[in-house]
C-alpha atoms as a PDB file:
ATOM      1  CA  MET A   1       0.000   0.000   0.000  1.00  0.00           C
ATOM      2  CA  ASN A   2       1.292   3.403  -0.947  1.00  0.00           C
ATOM      3  CA  PRO A   3       1.658   5.618   2.188  1.00  0.00           C
ATOM      4  CA  THR A   4       0.052   8.476   0.302  1.00  0.00           C
ATOM      5  CA  ASP A   5      -3.075   6.353  -0.309  1.00  0.00           C
ATOM      6  CA  LYS A   6      -3.274   5.532   3.407  1.00  0.00           C
ATOM      7  CA  ASN A   7      -3.006   9.231   4.347  1.00  0.00           C
ATOM      8  CA  ALA A   8      -5.638  10.176   1.793  1.00  0.00           C
ATOM      9  CA  ARG A   9      -8.042   7.603   3.257  1.00  0.00           C
ATOM     10  CA  PHE A  10      -7.352   8.903   6.767  1.00  0.00           C
ATOM     11  CA  LEU A  11      -8.059  12.495   5.667  1.00  0.00           C
ATOM     12  CA  LEU A  12     -11.229  11.351   3.916  1.00  0.00           C
ATOM     13  CA  LEU A  13     -12.327   9.610   7.113  1.00  0.00           C
ATOM     14  CA  LEU A  14     -11.684  12.799   9.096  1.00  0.00           C
ATOM     15  CA  LYS A  15     -13.633  14.844   6.553  1.00  0.00           C
ATOM     16  CA  THR A  16     -16.563  12.442   6.925  1.00  0.00           C
ATOM     17  CA  PHE A  17     -16.854  13.456  10.589  1.00  0.00           C
ATOM     18  CA  ASP A  18     -16.725  17.197   9.947  1.00  0.00           C
ATOM     19  CA  MET A  19     -20.016  18.600  11.096  1.00  0.00           C
ATOM     20  CA  LYS A  20     -21.553  21.887  11.922  1.00  0.00           C
ATOM     21  CA  LYS A  21     -23.957  21.667  14.856  1.00  0.00           C
ATOM     22  CA  THR A  22     -26.426  24.502  15.355  1.00  0.00           C
ATOM     23  CA  ILE A  23     -28.925  24.665  18.223  1.00  0.00           C
ATOM     24  CA  ILE A  24     -32.424  25.769  17.194  1.00  0.00           C
ATOM     25  CA  ASN A  25     -34.790  27.269  19.754  1.00  0.00           C
ATOM     26  CA  THR A  26     -37.681  29.648  19.171  1.00  0.00           C
ATOM     27  CA  PRO A  27     -39.942  31.426  21.676  1.00  0.00           C
ATOM     28  CA  GLU A  28     -42.863  30.544  19.386  1.00  0.00           C
ATOM     29  CA  ALA A  29     -42.684  26.910  20.562  1.00  0.00           C
ATOM     30  CA  PRO A  30     -42.754  25.527  24.100  1.00  0.00           C
ATOM     31  CA  SER A  31     -39.500  25.867  26.008  1.00  0.00           C
ATOM     32  CA  PRO A  32     -37.758  22.558  26.665  1.00  0.00           C
ATOM     33  CA  ILE A  33     -38.807  21.007  29.982  1.00  0.00           C
ATOM     34  CA  GLY A  34     -35.489  19.241  30.464  1.00  0.00           C
ATOM     35  CA  PRO A  35     -31.836  19.282  29.397  1.00  0.00           C
ATOM     36  CA  TYR A  36     -32.448  19.370  25.627  1.00  0.00           C
ATOM     37  CA  ASN A  37     -33.171  21.833  22.816  1.00  0.00           C
ATOM     38  CA  GLN A  38     -36.165  22.157  20.525  1.00  0.00           C
ATOM     39  CA  ALA A  39     -34.004  21.067  17.591  1.00  0.00           C
ATOM     40  CA  VAL A  40     -30.421  20.491  16.516  1.00  0.00           C
ATOM     41  CA  LEU A  41     -29.263  21.182  12.971  1.00  0.00           C
ATOM     42  CA  VAL A  42     -26.277  19.100  11.864  1.00  0.00           C
ATOM     43  CA  ASN A  43     -25.127  20.147   8.402  1.00  0.00           C
ATOM     44  CA  ASP A  44     -28.409  19.937   6.428  1.00  0.00           C
ATOM     45  CA  THR A  45     -30.269  17.581   8.789  1.00  0.00           C
ATOM     46  CA  LEU A  46     -32.593  18.906  11.485  1.00  0.00           C
ATOM     47  CA  TYR A  47     -33.434  16.702  14.463  1.00  0.00           C
ATOM     48  CA  LEU A  48     -36.591  17.991  16.186  1.00  0.00           C
ATOM     49  CA  SER A  49     -37.223  16.987  19.786  1.00  0.00           C
ATOM     50  CA  GLY A  50     -40.581  15.504  20.618  1.00  0.00           C
ATOM     51  CA  GLN A  51     -43.336  18.039  21.124  1.00  0.00           C
ATOM     52  CA  ILE A  52     -46.276  17.557  23.443  1.00  0.00           C
ATOM     53  CA  PRO A  53     -49.432  19.724  23.563  1.00  0.00           C
ATOM     54  CA  LEU A  54     -47.953  22.587  25.545  1.00  0.00           C
ATOM     55  CA  ILE A  55     -49.266  26.091  24.898  1.00  0.00           C
ATOM     56  CA  PRO A  56     -46.073  28.087  24.176  1.00  0.00           C
ATOM     57  CA  GLU A  57     -47.179  31.353  25.800  1.00  0.00           C
ATOM     58  CA  THR A  58     -48.149  29.822  29.141  1.00  0.00           C
ATOM     59  CA  MET A  59     -46.302  26.472  29.129  1.00  0.00           C
ATOM     60  CA  THR A  60     -49.554  24.844  30.244  1.00  0.00           C
ATOM     61  CA  LEU A  61     -50.932  21.651  28.779  1.00  0.00           C
ATOM     62  CA  LEU A  62     -53.838  21.795  26.398  1.00  0.00           C
ATOM     63  CA  SER A  63     -56.383  19.365  27.813  1.00  0.00           C
ATOM     64  CA  ASP A  64     -58.920  18.920  25.067  1.00  0.00           C
ATOM     65  CA  THR A  65     -59.694  16.284  22.472  1.00  0.00           C
ATOM     66  CA  VAL A  66     -56.760  14.240  21.186  1.00  0.00           C
ATOM     67  CA  GLU A  67     -57.385  15.904  17.810  1.00  0.00           C
ATOM     68  CA  ALA A  68     -56.924  19.401  19.303  1.00  0.00           C
ATOM     69  CA  GLU A  69     -53.841  18.232  21.178  1.00  0.00           C
ATOM     70  CA  THR A  70     -52.341  16.761  17.999  1.00  0.00           C
ATOM     71  CA  GLU A  71     -53.096  19.983  16.101  1.00  0.00           C
ATOM     72  CA  LEU A  72     -51.162  21.965  18.720  1.00  0.00           C
ATOM     73  CA  VAL A  73     -48.240  19.521  18.630  1.00  0.00           C
ATOM     74  CA  MET A  74     -48.037  19.884  14.840  1.00  0.00           C
ATOM     75  CA  LYS A  75     -48.237  23.681  15.065  1.00  0.00           C
ATOM     76  CA  ASN A  76     -45.421  23.653  17.633  1.00  0.00           C
ATOM     77  CA  LEU A  77     -43.311  21.491  15.303  1.00  0.00           C
ATOM     78  CA  LYS A  78     -44.136  23.825  12.397  1.00  0.00           C
ATOM     79  CA  VAL A  79     -42.679  26.871  14.179  1.00  0.00           C
ATOM     80  CA  VAL A  80     -39.511  24.958  15.080  1.00  0.00           C
ATOM     81  CA  LEU A  81     -39.145  23.947  11.428  1.00  0.00           C
ATOM     82  CA  LYS A  82     -39.705  27.584  10.428  1.00  0.00           C
ATOM     83  CA  ALA A  83     -36.986  28.734  12.836  1.00  0.00           C
ATOM     84  CA  ALA A  84     -34.611  26.471  10.882  1.00  0.00           C
ATOM     85  CA  HIS A  85     -35.918  27.823   7.534  1.00  0.00           C
ATOM     86  CA  MET A  86     -37.758  24.597   6.755  1.00  0.00           C
ATOM     87  CA  ASP A  87     -41.329  23.350   6.577  1.00  0.00           C
ATOM     88  CA  PHE A  88     -43.201  20.035   6.522  1.00  0.00           C
ATOM     89  CA  GLU A  89     -41.989  19.362   2.950  1.00  0.00           C
ATOM     90  CA  ASN A  90     -38.487  18.950   4.437  1.00  0.00           C
ATOM     91  CA  VAL A  91     -39.575  16.271   6.924  1.00  0.00           C
ATOM     92  CA  VAL A  92     -38.227  12.815   6.044  1.00  0.00           C
ATOM     93  CA  LYS A  93     -38.982  10.871   9.245  1.00  0.00           C
ATOM     94  CA  THR A  94     -41.557  11.180  11.997  1.00  0.00           C
ATOM     95  CA  SER A  95     -42.040   9.291  15.248  1.00  0.00           C
ATOM     96  CA  ILE A  96     -45.437   9.406  16.926  1.00  0.00           C
ATOM     97  CA  PHE A  97     -45.853   8.230  20.507  1.00  0.00           C
ATOM     98  CA  LEU A  98     -49.334   7.572  21.853  1.00  0.00           C
ATOM     99  CA  ASP A  99     -50.484   6.674  25.323  1.00  0.00           C
ATOM    100  CA  ASN A 100     -53.180   4.468  23.794  1.00  0.00           C
ATOM    101  CA  MET A 101     -53.354   2.973  20.295  1.00  0.00           C
ATOM    102  CA  GLU A 102     -57.108   3.614  20.339  1.00  0.00           C
ATOM    103  CA  ASN A 103     -56.174   7.249  19.530  1.00  0.00           C
ATOM    104  CA  PHE A 104     -54.367   6.206  16.336  1.00  0.00           C
ATOM    105  CA  ALA A 105     -57.120   7.095  13.836  1.00  0.00           C
ATOM    106  CA  ALA A 106     -57.807  10.511  15.380  1.00  0.00           C
ATOM    107  CA  VAL A 107     -54.115  11.447  15.590  1.00  0.00           C
ATOM    108  CA  ASN A 108     -53.449  10.067  12.103  1.00  0.00           C
ATOM    109  CA  SER A 109     -56.230  12.188  10.619  1.00  0.00           C
ATOM    110  CA  VAL A 110     -54.869  15.447  12.060  1.00  0.00           C
ATOM    111  CA  TYR A 111     -51.227  14.526  11.366  1.00  0.00           C
ATOM    112  CA  GLY A 112     -52.059  13.650   7.758  1.00  0.00           C
ATOM    113  CA  SER A 113     -53.617  17.061   7.146  1.00  0.00           C
ATOM    114  CA  PHE A 114     -50.143  18.642   7.442  1.00  0.00           C
ATOM    115  CA  PHE A 115     -48.601  16.535   4.650  1.00  0.00           C
ATOM    116  CA  ASP A 116     -49.119  15.795   0.980  1.00  0.00           C
ATOM    117  CA  GLU A 117     -49.726  12.047   0.977  1.00  0.00           C
ATOM    118  CA  ALA A 118     -47.558  11.562  -2.132  1.00  0.00           C
ATOM    119  CA  THR A 119     -44.499  13.057  -0.393  1.00  0.00           C
ATOM    120  CA  ALA A 120     -45.281  12.217   3.234  1.00  0.00           C
ATOM    121  CA  PRO A 121     -42.296  11.184   5.385  1.00  0.00           C
ATOM    122  CA  ALA A 122     -41.440   7.760   6.701  1.00  0.00           C
ATOM    123  CA  ARG A 123     -43.025   7.185  10.096  1.00  0.00           C
ATOM    124  CA  GLU A 124     -43.688   4.869  12.956  1.00  0.00           C
ATOM    125  CA  THR A 125     -46.402   5.150  15.554  1.00  0.00           C
ATOM    126  CA  VAL A 126     -46.006   3.362  18.853  1.00  0.00           C
ATOM    127  CA  ALA A 127     -48.028   3.144  22.021  1.00  0.00           C
ATOM    128  CA  VAL A 128     -46.073   3.643  25.220  1.00  0.00           C
ATOM    129  CA  LYS A 129     -46.990   3.232  28.858  1.00  0.00           C
ATOM    130  CA  THR A 130     -46.568   6.893  29.838  1.00  0.00           C
ATOM    131  CA  LEU A 131     -45.515  10.107  28.110  1.00  0.00           C
ATOM    132  CA  PRO A 132     -44.071  13.282  29.687  1.00  0.00           C
ATOM    133  CA  LYS A 133     -46.649  15.084  31.829  1.00  0.00           C
ATOM    134  CA  SER A 134     -48.999  12.138  31.135  1.00  0.00           C
ATOM    135  CA  VAL A 135     -50.027  13.541  27.734  1.00  0.00           C
ATOM    136  CA  ARG A 136     -51.727  11.448  25.054  1.00  0.00           C
ATOM    137  CA  VAL A 137     -49.481  12.304  22.096  1.00  0.00           C
ATOM    138  CA  GLU A 138     -45.862  13.270  21.425  1.00  0.00           C
ATOM    139  CA  ILE A 139     -44.322  13.712  17.973  1.00  0.00           C
ATOM    140  CA  SER A 140     -40.677  14.098  16.926  1.00  0.00           C
ATOM    141  CA  MET A 141     -39.261  14.615  13.434  1.00  0.00           C
ATOM    142  CA  ILE A 142     -36.165  14.609  11.260  1.00  0.00           C
ATOM    143  CA  ALA A 143     -36.000  17.072   8.353  1.00  0.00           C
ATOM    144  CA  VAL A 144     -33.433  17.680   5.620  1.00  0.00           C
ATOM    145  CA  LYS A 145     -32.749  20.862   3.616  1.00  0.00           C
END
């Protein structure tokens, strides 16, 4: 093996790990309730933390129908995307967490209204035992510029 080839591969490997990490937070979305940020942009990929139905101005939970709660979660995600100069068209992956799979159809209906079905992101929906603040729905996303 030519030593120059080995060095070139090493430099290429180092270049692969070059990344620019930018923290995204906006006052238009709920403040984080723990040691995390609303989103982290790494190069062109935005990782959005899970949002729950918190009203941004008061940081109180919306206790309404699961449809209204999902609508608020999606609006909160929308403003975080906007703060990163993106929108729902940039979303490539979504994770939905429900406290009860019986809410799937209602959440799915509201969630689906924010996307064009032909270009909707990959997604999984899972039911979990308990969500933060005992909410019924939490949604996180990954978006790419």
